[in-house]
Amino acid sequence: MSSPDAGPPRPPRDAGRRIKVWFRFVPREHWLPYDTEGLWATRLSADTARVDNVPFLQDGVAEGETVRFTTDADGVHWSTGRVADSGNCTVRVLPAPDGPLGRDARAVHERLAPFGLGGEVFSADFPLVAFTVPGGADLRAIKELLVRGEEEGWWHFEVACATEAWREA
């Protein structure tokens, strides 16, 4: 117990340092064979961090969210849950290989660029593009474009982390 004059608790010495926080999940059938994903994060406290990149595999989390983690004996940080929402959504888009965009992840980026969306590509061999959709974006127009692109055979998409605003748009 600290004395009343000690002031507020100090953040850990490594607060603000980037760490990798790992997430466990059950692999999906007919999908990538992984059961963990590591996301870069900025440590905020001894057991919380803010996610700094968009997840390719983990559902239910978006860039900017605060997660709680535990650290195992090997120093690996494992997420134990979300502490604070960011207001962002995570959308994943996989160009249809036989569609008009082919396997071109850049073409997917170009279609979504007018909305100011940034995304990351999984790999050249598997051109899955994961996007962070900010809460202040034109969610209705983005959803319409995603649906139209799927209907026209450009891509397949999934919403891996949705907000109430996304669901209502």
N, C-alpha and C. Protein backbone atom coordinates (compact mmCIF):
# COMPACT_ATOMS: atom_id res chain seq x y z
N MET A 1 0.86 -1.18 0.00
CA MET A 1 0.00 0.00 0.00
C MET A 1 0.89 1.23 0.00
N SER A 2 0.55 2.21 -0.81
CA SER A 2 1.36 3.43 -0.87
C SER A 2 0.75 4.49 0.05
N SER A 3 1.59 5.42 0.45
CA SER A 3 1.10 6.48 1.33
C SER A 3 0.26 7.45 0.52
N PRO A 4 -0.63 8.20 1.17
CA PRO A 4 -1.47 9.14 0.44
C PRO A 4 -0.65 10.23 -0.25
N ASP A 5 0.56 10.48 0.21
CA ASP A 5 1.38 11.52 -0.39
C ASP A 5 2.20 11.02 -1.58
N ALA A 6 2.10 9.74 -1.87
CA ALA A 6 2.93 9.16 -2.94
C ALA A 6 2.47 9.60 -4.33
N GLY A 7 1.26 10.11 -4.44
CA GLY A 7 0.75 10.51 -5.75
C GLY A 7 0.18 9.32 -6.51
N PRO A 8 -0.23 9.56 -7.76
CA PRO A 8 -0.84 8.48 -8.54
C PRO A 8 0.20 7.42 -8.87
N PRO A 9 -0.24 6.18 -9.11
CA PRO A 9 0.72 5.15 -9.46
C PRO A 9 1.44 5.50 -10.75
N ARG A 10 2.70 5.19 -10.81
CA ARG A 10 3.49 5.48 -12.01
C ARG A 10 3.28 4.39 -13.05
N PRO A 11 3.26 4.78 -14.32
CA PRO A 11 3.17 3.75 -15.35
C PRO A 11 4.45 2.93 -15.36
N PRO A 12 4.40 1.71 -15.90
CA PRO A 12 5.62 0.92 -15.95
C PRO A 12 6.69 1.63 -16.77
N ARG A 13 7.94 1.30 -16.50
CA ARG A 13 9.04 1.96 -17.20
C ARG A 13 8.94 1.81 -18.71
N ASP A 14 8.32 0.75 -19.17
CA ASP A 14 8.25 0.55 -20.61
C ASP A 14 6.91 1.00 -21.20
N ALA A 15 6.14 1.83 -20.47
CA ALA A 15 4.89 2.36 -21.02
C ALA A 15 5.21 3.14 -22.29
N GLY A 16 4.37 3.00 -23.28
CA GLY A 16 4.59 3.67 -24.55
C GLY A 16 5.44 2.85 -25.51
N ARG A 17 6.03 1.76 -25.04
CA ARG A 17 6.86 0.91 -25.89
C ARG A 17 5.96 -0.01 -26.71
N ARG A 18 6.37 -0.21 -27.96
CA ARG A 18 5.62 -1.14 -28.82
C ARG A 18 5.95 -2.57 -28.43
N ILE A 19 4.90 -3.35 -28.33
CA ILE A 19 5.03 -4.76 -28.01
C ILE A 19 4.16 -5.54 -28.99
N LYS A 20 4.34 -6.82 -29.02
CA LYS A 20 3.47 -7.69 -29.81
C LYS A 20 2.53 -8.38 -28.83
N VAL A 21 1.22 -8.24 -29.08
CA VAL A 21 0.22 -8.92 -28.26
C VAL A 21 -0.37 -10.03 -29.13
N TRP A 22 -0.40 -11.22 -28.57
CA TRP A 22 -0.86 -12.39 -29.30
C TRP A 22 -2.29 -12.73 -28.92
N PHE A 23 -3.05 -13.20 -29.93
CA PHE A 23 -4.44 -13.59 -29.78
C PHE A 23 -4.57 -15.06 -30.17
N ARG A 24 -5.35 -15.81 -29.41
CA ARG A 24 -5.64 -17.21 -29.73
C ARG A 24 -7.06 -17.30 -30.27
N PHE A 25 -7.27 -18.20 -31.22
CA PHE A 25 -8.60 -18.43 -31.77
C PHE A 25 -8.64 -19.82 -32.38
N VAL A 26 -9.84 -20.27 -32.65
CA VAL A 26 -10.02 -21.57 -33.30
C VAL A 26 -9.93 -21.35 -34.81
N PRO A 27 -9.05 -22.09 -35.48
CA PRO A 27 -8.94 -21.92 -36.94
C PRO A 27 -10.26 -22.30 -37.62
N ARG A 28 -10.54 -21.61 -38.72
CA ARG A 28 -11.75 -21.91 -39.49
C ARG A 28 -11.46 -22.99 -40.52
N GLU A 29 -12.45 -23.79 -40.80
CA GLU A 29 -12.32 -24.78 -41.86
C GLU A 29 -12.15 -24.08 -43.20
N HIS A 30 -11.32 -24.65 -44.05
CA HIS A 30 -11.09 -24.13 -45.41
C HIS A 30 -10.54 -22.71 -45.41
N TRP A 31 -9.77 -22.38 -44.41
CA TRP A 31 -9.20 -21.05 -44.29
C TRP A 31 -7.73 -21.23 -43.91
N LEU A 32 -7.06 -20.17 -43.60
CA LEU A 32 -5.66 -20.25 -43.20
C LEU A 32 -5.52 -21.11 -41.94
N PRO A 33 -4.47 -21.92 -41.85
CA PRO A 33 -4.38 -22.91 -40.77
C PRO A 33 -3.81 -22.37 -39.45
N TYR A 34 -3.95 -21.10 -39.18
CA TYR A 34 -3.36 -20.52 -37.98
C TYR A 34 -4.34 -20.52 -36.82
N ASP A 35 -3.79 -20.57 -35.59
CA ASP A 35 -4.63 -20.46 -34.41
C ASP A 35 -4.18 -19.33 -33.49
N THR A 36 -3.20 -18.55 -33.94
CA THR A 36 -2.76 -17.36 -33.20
C THR A 36 -2.44 -16.24 -34.20
N GLU A 37 -2.53 -15.03 -33.71
CA GLU A 37 -2.09 -13.87 -34.50
C GLU A 37 -1.48 -12.86 -33.54
N GLY A 38 -0.32 -12.34 -33.92
CA GLY A 38 0.34 -11.30 -33.14
C GLY A 38 0.08 -9.95 -33.76
N LEU A 39 -0.35 -9.00 -32.95
CA LEU A 39 -0.61 -7.63 -33.42
C LEU A 39 0.30 -6.67 -32.66
N TRP A 40 0.85 -5.72 -33.38
CA TRP A 40 1.65 -4.69 -32.73
C TRP A 40 0.73 -3.82 -31.89
N ALA A 41 1.24 -3.40 -30.76
CA ALA A 41 0.46 -2.60 -29.84
C ALA A 41 1.41 -1.69 -29.05
N THR A 42 0.86 -0.61 -28.54
CA THR A 42 1.60 0.28 -27.66
C THR A 42 1.18 0.01 -26.23
N ARG A 43 2.16 -0.33 -25.41
CA ARG A 43 1.86 -0.63 -24.01
C ARG A 43 1.36 0.64 -23.34
N LEU A 44 0.25 0.51 -22.63
CA LEU A 44 -0.32 1.64 -21.90
C LEU A 44 -0.11 1.51 -20.40
N SER A 45 -0.08 0.28 -19.92
CA SER A 45 0.13 0.02 -18.50
C SER A 45 0.77 -1.36 -18.37
N ALA A 46 0.87 -1.83 -17.16
CA ALA A 46 1.50 -3.13 -16.94
C ALA A 46 0.76 -4.26 -17.65
N ASP A 47 -0.55 -4.10 -17.88
CA ASP A 47 -1.32 -5.18 -18.49
C ASP A 47 -2.30 -4.73 -19.56
N THR A 48 -2.11 -3.51 -20.10
CA THR A 48 -2.98 -3.06 -21.19
C THR A 48 -2.13 -2.47 -22.32
N ALA A 49 -2.67 -2.54 -23.52
CA ALA A 49 -1.99 -2.00 -24.70
C ALA A 49 -3.03 -1.60 -25.73
N ARG A 50 -2.66 -0.63 -26.57
CA ARG A 50 -3.51 -0.17 -27.67
C ARG A 50 -3.05 -0.84 -28.96
N VAL A 51 -3.94 -1.53 -29.65
CA VAL A 51 -3.62 -2.24 -30.89
C VAL A 51 -3.26 -1.22 -31.97
N ASP A 52 -2.11 -1.45 -32.62
CA ASP A 52 -1.58 -0.49 -33.60
C ASP A 52 -1.70 -0.94 -35.05
N ASN A 53 -2.21 -2.13 -35.31
CA ASN A 53 -2.40 -2.51 -36.70
C ASN A 53 -3.68 -3.34 -36.85
N VAL A 54 -4.06 -3.52 -38.10
CA VAL A 54 -5.32 -4.19 -38.41
C VAL A 54 -5.10 -5.71 -38.41
N PRO A 55 -6.01 -6.46 -37.76
CA PRO A 55 -5.85 -7.91 -37.73
C PRO A 55 -6.30 -8.59 -39.02
N PHE A 56 -5.53 -9.58 -39.44
CA PHE A 56 -5.90 -10.39 -40.60
C PHE A 56 -6.76 -11.58 -40.20
N LEU A 57 -6.59 -12.08 -39.01
CA LEU A 57 -7.22 -13.34 -38.63
C LEU A 57 -8.11 -13.24 -37.41
N GLN A 58 -7.73 -12.43 -36.44
CA GLN A 58 -8.47 -12.33 -35.19
C GLN A 58 -9.76 -11.54 -35.40
N ASP A 59 -10.86 -12.10 -34.98
CA ASP A 59 -12.15 -11.41 -35.05
C ASP A 59 -12.40 -10.66 -33.76
N GLY A 60 -13.26 -9.64 -33.82
CA GLY A 60 -13.70 -8.95 -32.62
C GLY A 60 -12.76 -7.90 -32.08
N VAL A 61 -11.76 -7.51 -32.85
CA VAL A 61 -10.84 -6.46 -32.41
C VAL A 61 -10.48 -5.61 -33.63
N ALA A 62 -10.27 -4.32 -33.39
CA ALA A 62 -9.92 -3.39 -34.46
C ALA A 62 -8.73 -2.54 -34.02
N GLU A 63 -8.07 -1.97 -34.99
CA GLU A 63 -6.96 -1.07 -34.72
C GLU A 63 -7.44 0.05 -33.80
N GLY A 64 -6.61 0.39 -32.82
CA GLY A 64 -6.94 1.47 -31.89
C GLY A 64 -7.61 1.02 -30.61
N GLU A 65 -8.01 -0.24 -30.54
CA GLU A 65 -8.69 -0.73 -29.34
C GLU A 65 -7.67 -1.02 -28.24
N THR A 66 -8.12 -0.92 -27.02
CA THR A 66 -7.28 -1.24 -25.87
C THR A 66 -7.62 -2.65 -25.42
N VAL A 67 -6.57 -3.47 -25.27
CA VAL A 67 -6.74 -4.85 -24.82
C VAL A 67 -5.95 -5.07 -23.54
N ARG A 68 -6.43 -6.01 -22.76
CA ARG A 68 -5.71 -6.44 -21.56
C ARG A 68 -4.93 -7.69 -21.95
N PHE A 69 -3.77 -7.86 -21.34
CA PHE A 69 -2.96 -9.03 -21.64
C PHE A 69 -2.28 -9.55 -20.39
N THR A 70 -1.88 -10.81 -20.46
CA THR A 70 -1.01 -11.40 -19.46
C THR A 70 0.30 -11.75 -20.16
N THR A 71 1.34 -11.85 -19.40
CA THR A 71 2.65 -12.18 -19.95
C THR A 71 3.08 -13.52 -19.39
N ASP A 72 3.39 -14.47 -20.30
CA ASP A 72 3.77 -15.80 -19.83
C ASP A 72 5.24 -15.85 -19.42
N ALA A 73 5.68 -17.01 -18.99
CA ALA A 73 7.05 -17.19 -18.49
C ALA A 73 8.11 -16.92 -19.56
N ASP A 74 7.72 -17.02 -20.84
CA ASP A 74 8.65 -16.75 -21.94
C ASP A 74 8.63 -15.28 -22.37
N GLY A 75 7.83 -14.46 -21.69
CA GLY A 75 7.75 -13.04 -22.03
C GLY A 75 6.78 -12.73 -23.16
N VAL A 76 5.96 -13.70 -23.55
CA VAL A 76 4.97 -13.51 -24.62
C VAL A 76 3.71 -12.90 -24.01
N HIS A 77 3.19 -11.86 -24.63
CA HIS A 77 1.99 -11.16 -24.15
C HIS A 77 0.77 -11.74 -24.85
N TRP A 78 -0.16 -12.29 -24.07
CA TRP A 78 -1.36 -12.93 -24.60
C TRP A 78 -2.58 -12.09 -24.23
N SER A 79 -3.38 -11.74 -25.23
CA SER A 79 -4.59 -10.96 -24.99
C SER A 79 -5.57 -11.77 -24.15
N THR A 80 -6.18 -11.08 -23.20
CA THR A 80 -7.23 -11.72 -22.38
C THR A 80 -8.58 -11.05 -22.60
N GLY A 81 -8.60 -10.01 -23.43
CA GLY A 81 -9.88 -9.37 -23.74
C GLY A 81 -9.73 -7.91 -24.05
N ARG A 82 -10.79 -7.37 -24.58
CA ARG A 82 -10.83 -5.96 -24.96
C ARG A 82 -11.26 -5.14 -23.75
N VAL A 83 -10.59 -4.01 -23.54
CA VAL A 83 -10.90 -3.12 -22.43
C VAL A 83 -11.69 -1.90 -22.91
N ALA A 84 -11.30 -1.36 -24.08
CA ALA A 84 -11.96 -0.17 -24.60
C ALA A 84 -12.04 -0.25 -26.12
N ASP A 85 -13.23 0.06 -26.64
CA ASP A 85 -13.44 0.09 -28.08
C ASP A 85 -12.79 1.33 -28.68
N SER A 86 -12.41 1.23 -29.94
CA SER A 86 -11.82 2.36 -30.64
C SER A 86 -12.84 3.12 -31.48
N GLY A 87 -13.97 2.49 -31.75
CA GLY A 87 -14.93 3.07 -32.68
C GLY A 87 -14.63 2.67 -34.12
N ASN A 88 -13.54 1.95 -34.32
CA ASN A 88 -13.15 1.49 -35.66
C ASN A 88 -13.74 0.11 -35.94
N CYS A 89 -13.82 -0.23 -37.21
CA CYS A 89 -14.23 -1.56 -37.66
C CYS A 89 -13.06 -2.20 -38.40
N THR A 90 -13.10 -3.51 -38.49
CA THR A 90 -12.13 -4.26 -39.28
C THR A 90 -12.89 -4.96 -40.40
N VAL A 91 -12.45 -4.70 -41.64
CA VAL A 91 -13.05 -5.33 -42.81
C VAL A 91 -11.93 -5.99 -43.60
N ARG A 92 -12.19 -7.22 -44.04
CA ARG A 92 -11.21 -7.95 -44.84
C ARG A 92 -11.77 -8.21 -46.22
N VAL A 93 -10.94 -7.98 -47.23
CA VAL A 93 -11.36 -8.13 -48.62
C VAL A 93 -10.37 -9.03 -49.34
N LEU A 94 -10.89 -10.06 -49.99
CA LEU A 94 -10.06 -10.97 -50.78
C LEU A 94 -10.50 -10.88 -52.23
N PRO A 95 -9.63 -10.34 -53.11
CA PRO A 95 -10.04 -10.23 -54.52
C PRO A 95 -10.31 -11.63 -55.10
N ALA A 96 -11.37 -11.71 -55.90
CA ALA A 96 -11.72 -12.98 -56.55
C ALA A 96 -10.73 -13.24 -57.67
N PRO A 97 -9.99 -14.35 -57.64
CA PRO A 97 -8.95 -14.61 -58.63
C PRO A 97 -9.46 -14.61 -60.07
N ASP A 98 -10.71 -15.04 -60.26
CA ASP A 98 -11.25 -15.09 -61.61
C ASP A 98 -12.15 -13.89 -61.92
N GLY A 99 -12.16 -12.90 -61.03
CA GLY A 99 -12.97 -11.70 -61.23
C GLY A 99 -12.22 -10.61 -61.96
N PRO A 100 -12.85 -9.47 -62.19
CA PRO A 100 -12.23 -8.39 -62.95
C PRO A 100 -10.98 -7.79 -62.31
N LEU A 101 -10.79 -7.95 -61.01
CA LEU A 101 -9.60 -7.43 -60.35
C LEU A 101 -8.48 -8.47 -60.30
N GLY A 102 -8.81 -9.70 -60.62
CA GLY A 102 -7.82 -10.76 -60.50
C GLY A 102 -7.36 -10.87 -59.06
N ARG A 103 -6.10 -11.15 -58.88
CA ARG A 103 -5.52 -11.28 -57.53
C ARG A 103 -4.80 -9.99 -57.13
N ASP A 104 -5.29 -8.86 -57.60
CA ASP A 104 -4.61 -7.59 -57.44
C ASP A 104 -5.07 -6.84 -56.19
N ALA A 105 -4.29 -6.95 -55.12
CA ALA A 105 -4.62 -6.25 -53.87
C ALA A 105 -4.59 -4.74 -54.07
N ARG A 106 -3.72 -4.26 -54.95
CA ARG A 106 -3.63 -2.82 -55.22
C ARG A 106 -4.95 -2.31 -55.79
N ALA A 107 -5.59 -3.12 -56.64
CA ALA A 107 -6.88 -2.72 -57.22
C ALA A 107 -7.95 -2.61 -56.14
N VAL A 108 -7.88 -3.47 -55.14
CA VAL A 108 -8.81 -3.39 -54.00
C VAL A 108 -8.58 -2.07 -53.27
N HIS A 109 -7.31 -1.76 -52.99
CA HIS A 109 -6.97 -0.49 -52.33
C HIS A 109 -7.52 0.70 -53.13
N GLU A 110 -7.34 0.67 -54.44
CA GLU A 110 -7.78 1.78 -55.28
C GLU A 110 -9.29 1.98 -55.19
N ARG A 111 -10.06 0.89 -55.10
CA ARG A 111 -11.52 1.01 -55.02
C ARG A 111 -11.95 1.64 -53.69
N LEU A 112 -11.19 1.39 -52.63
CA LEU A 112 -11.56 1.88 -51.31
C LEU A 112 -10.82 3.16 -50.91
N ALA A 113 -9.85 3.57 -51.70
CA ALA A 113 -9.07 4.78 -51.41
C ALA A 113 -9.91 6.04 -51.29
N PRO A 114 -10.97 6.22 -52.10
CA PRO A 114 -11.76 7.45 -51.95
C PRO A 114 -12.35 7.64 -50.54
N PHE A 115 -12.42 6.59 -49.77
CA PHE A 115 -12.95 6.69 -48.40
C PHE A 115 -11.85 6.93 -47.38
N GLY A 116 -10.61 7.04 -47.85
CA GLY A 116 -9.49 7.28 -46.94
C GLY A 116 -9.10 6.07 -46.12
N LEU A 117 -9.44 4.88 -46.59
CA LEU A 117 -9.13 3.67 -45.84
C LEU A 117 -7.72 3.20 -46.10
N GLY A 118 -7.03 2.87 -45.05
CA GLY A 118 -5.71 2.26 -45.18
C GLY A 118 -5.84 0.78 -44.89
N GLY A 119 -5.04 0.01 -45.55
CA GLY A 119 -5.11 -1.43 -45.34
C GLY A 119 -3.77 -2.08 -45.49
N GLU A 120 -3.68 -3.30 -45.06
CA GLU A 120 -2.46 -4.09 -45.18
C GLU A 120 -2.77 -5.35 -45.97
N VAL A 121 -1.79 -5.83 -46.73
CA VAL A 121 -1.95 -7.03 -47.54
C VAL A 121 -1.26 -8.19 -46.83
N PHE A 122 -1.94 -9.33 -46.75
CA PHE A 122 -1.39 -10.49 -46.07
C PHE A 122 -0.11 -10.97 -46.75
N SER A 123 -0.17 -11.22 -48.07
CA SER A 123 1.03 -11.63 -48.82
C SER A 123 0.72 -11.56 -50.31
N ALA A 124 1.77 -11.63 -51.12
CA ALA A 124 1.59 -11.65 -52.58
C ALA A 124 0.86 -12.92 -53.00
N ASP A 125 1.13 -14.03 -52.32
CA ASP A 125 0.49 -15.29 -52.66
C ASP A 125 -0.97 -15.35 -52.21
N PHE A 126 -1.29 -14.64 -51.15
CA PHE A 126 -2.65 -14.61 -50.61
C PHE A 126 -3.02 -13.14 -50.40
N PRO A 127 -3.58 -12.49 -51.45
CA PRO A 127 -3.77 -11.03 -51.44
C PRO A 127 -4.96 -10.53 -50.60
N LEU A 128 -5.12 -11.10 -49.42
CA LEU A 128 -6.15 -10.65 -48.49
C LEU A 128 -5.77 -9.26 -48.00
N VAL A 129 -6.70 -8.32 -48.10
CA VAL A 129 -6.45 -6.96 -47.64
C VAL A 129 -7.32 -6.72 -46.40
N ALA A 130 -6.68 -6.33 -45.31
CA ALA A 130 -7.39 -6.01 -44.07
C ALA A 130 -7.41 -4.49 -43.93
N PHE A 131 -8.60 -3.95 -43.74
CA PHE A 131 -8.79 -2.50 -43.64
C PHE A 131 -9.28 -2.11 -42.26
N THR A 132 -8.81 -0.97 -41.80
CA THR A 132 -9.40 -0.31 -40.64
C THR A 132 -10.37 0.72 -41.18
N VAL A 133 -11.62 0.63 -40.74
CA VAL A 133 -12.65 1.58 -41.15
C VAL A 133 -12.95 2.45 -39.94
N PRO A 134 -12.51 3.72 -39.98
CA PRO A 134 -12.76 4.61 -38.85
C PRO A 134 -14.25 4.86 -38.64
N GLY A 135 -14.63 5.06 -37.39
CA GLY A 135 -16.03 5.31 -37.08
C GLY A 135 -16.61 6.51 -37.79
N GLY A 136 -15.79 7.50 -38.11
CA GLY A 136 -16.27 8.71 -38.77
C GLY A 136 -16.35 8.61 -40.28
N ALA A 137 -16.01 7.45 -40.84
CA ALA A 137 -16.06 7.28 -42.30
C ALA A 137 -17.51 7.18 -42.77
N ASP A 138 -17.71 7.27 -44.07
CA ASP A 138 -19.04 7.13 -44.66
C ASP A 138 -19.38 5.63 -44.69
N LEU A 139 -19.84 5.13 -43.57
CA LEU A 139 -20.06 3.69 -43.41
C LEU A 139 -21.07 3.14 -44.40
N ARG A 140 -22.13 3.87 -44.63
CA ARG A 140 -23.16 3.38 -45.58
C ARG A 140 -22.57 3.22 -46.97
N ALA A 141 -21.81 4.20 -47.44
CA ALA A 141 -21.23 4.12 -48.79
C ALA A 141 -20.19 3.00 -48.88
N ILE A 142 -19.42 2.81 -47.82
CA ILE A 142 -18.43 1.74 -47.81
C ILE A 142 -19.13 0.39 -47.88
N LYS A 143 -20.17 0.21 -47.07
CA LYS A 143 -20.92 -1.04 -47.10
C LYS A 143 -21.52 -1.28 -48.49
N GLU A 144 -22.07 -0.24 -49.09
CA GLU A 144 -22.66 -0.39 -50.43
C GLU A 144 -21.61 -0.82 -51.45
N LEU A 145 -20.42 -0.22 -51.38
CA LEU A 145 -19.37 -0.59 -52.31
C LEU A 145 -18.91 -2.03 -52.07
N LEU A 146 -18.76 -2.42 -50.82
CA LEU A 146 -18.34 -3.79 -50.53
C LEU A 146 -19.35 -4.80 -51.08
N VAL A 147 -20.63 -4.54 -50.86
CA VAL A 147 -21.68 -5.44 -51.34
C VAL A 147 -21.70 -5.46 -52.87
N ARG A 148 -21.63 -4.30 -53.49
CA ARG A 148 -21.62 -4.23 -54.96
C ARG A 148 -20.42 -4.98 -55.52
N GLY A 149 -19.24 -4.80 -54.92
CA GLY A 149 -18.04 -5.49 -55.38
C GLY A 149 -18.18 -7.00 -55.29
N GLU A 150 -18.82 -7.46 -54.22
CA GLU A 150 -19.03 -8.90 -54.09
C GLU A 150 -20.04 -9.39 -55.13
N GLU A 151 -21.14 -8.65 -55.32
CA GLU A 151 -22.15 -9.03 -56.30
C GLU A 151 -21.60 -9.04 -57.72
N GLU A 152 -20.66 -8.14 -58.01
CA GLU A 152 -20.09 -8.05 -59.36
C GLU A 152 -18.85 -8.93 -59.52
N GLY A 153 -18.53 -9.71 -58.51
CA GLY A 153 -17.44 -10.67 -58.62
C GLY A 153 -16.04 -10.10 -58.46
N TRP A 154 -15.93 -8.88 -57.88
CA TRP A 154 -14.61 -8.29 -57.68
C TRP A 154 -13.89 -8.98 -56.52
N TRP A 155 -14.64 -9.28 -55.47
CA TRP A 155 -14.04 -9.77 -54.24
C TRP A 155 -15.05 -10.48 -53.36
N HIS A 156 -14.53 -11.05 -52.29
CA HIS A 156 -15.31 -11.56 -51.16
C HIS A 156 -14.87 -10.69 -49.98
N PHE A 157 -15.80 -10.42 -49.08
CA PHE A 157 -15.40 -9.61 -47.92
C PHE A 157 -16.07 -10.14 -46.67
N GLU A 158 -15.47 -9.77 -45.55
CA GLU A 158 -16.08 -10.06 -44.26
C GLU A 158 -15.82 -8.90 -43.32
N VAL A 159 -16.73 -8.70 -42.40
CA VAL A 159 -16.57 -7.69 -41.37
C VAL A 159 -16.17 -8.45 -40.11
N ALA A 160 -14.94 -8.25 -39.69
CA ALA A 160 -14.40 -9.02 -38.56
C ALA A 160 -14.62 -8.34 -37.22
N CYS A 161 -14.86 -7.03 -37.26
CA CYS A 161 -15.15 -6.28 -36.03
C CYS A 161 -16.05 -5.13 -36.44
N ALA A 162 -17.28 -5.15 -35.95
CA ALA A 162 -18.26 -4.13 -36.33
C ALA A 162 -18.70 -3.35 -35.10
N THR A 163 -18.99 -2.09 -35.32
CA THR A 163 -19.55 -1.24 -34.27
C THR A 163 -21.06 -1.15 -34.47
N GLU A 164 -21.72 -0.59 -33.51
CA GLU A 164 -23.17 -0.35 -33.64
C GLU A 164 -23.44 0.58 -34.82
N ALA A 165 -22.58 1.60 -34.99
CA ALA A 165 -22.74 2.53 -36.14
C ALA A 165 -22.65 1.78 -37.46
N TRP A 166 -21.74 0.81 -37.55
CA TRP A 166 -21.60 0.02 -38.78
C TRP A 166 -22.88 -0.79 -39.03
N ARG A 167 -23.37 -1.43 -37.99
CA ARG A 167 -24.57 -2.26 -38.15
C ARG A 167 -25.79 -1.42 -38.53
N GLU A 168 -25.85 -0.19 -38.07
CA GLU A 168 -27.00 0.67 -38.35
C GLU A 168 -26.88 1.41 -39.68
N ALA A 169 -25.68 1.47 -40.25
CA ALA A 169 -25.47 2.24 -41.49
C ALA A 169 -26.14 1.55 -42.68
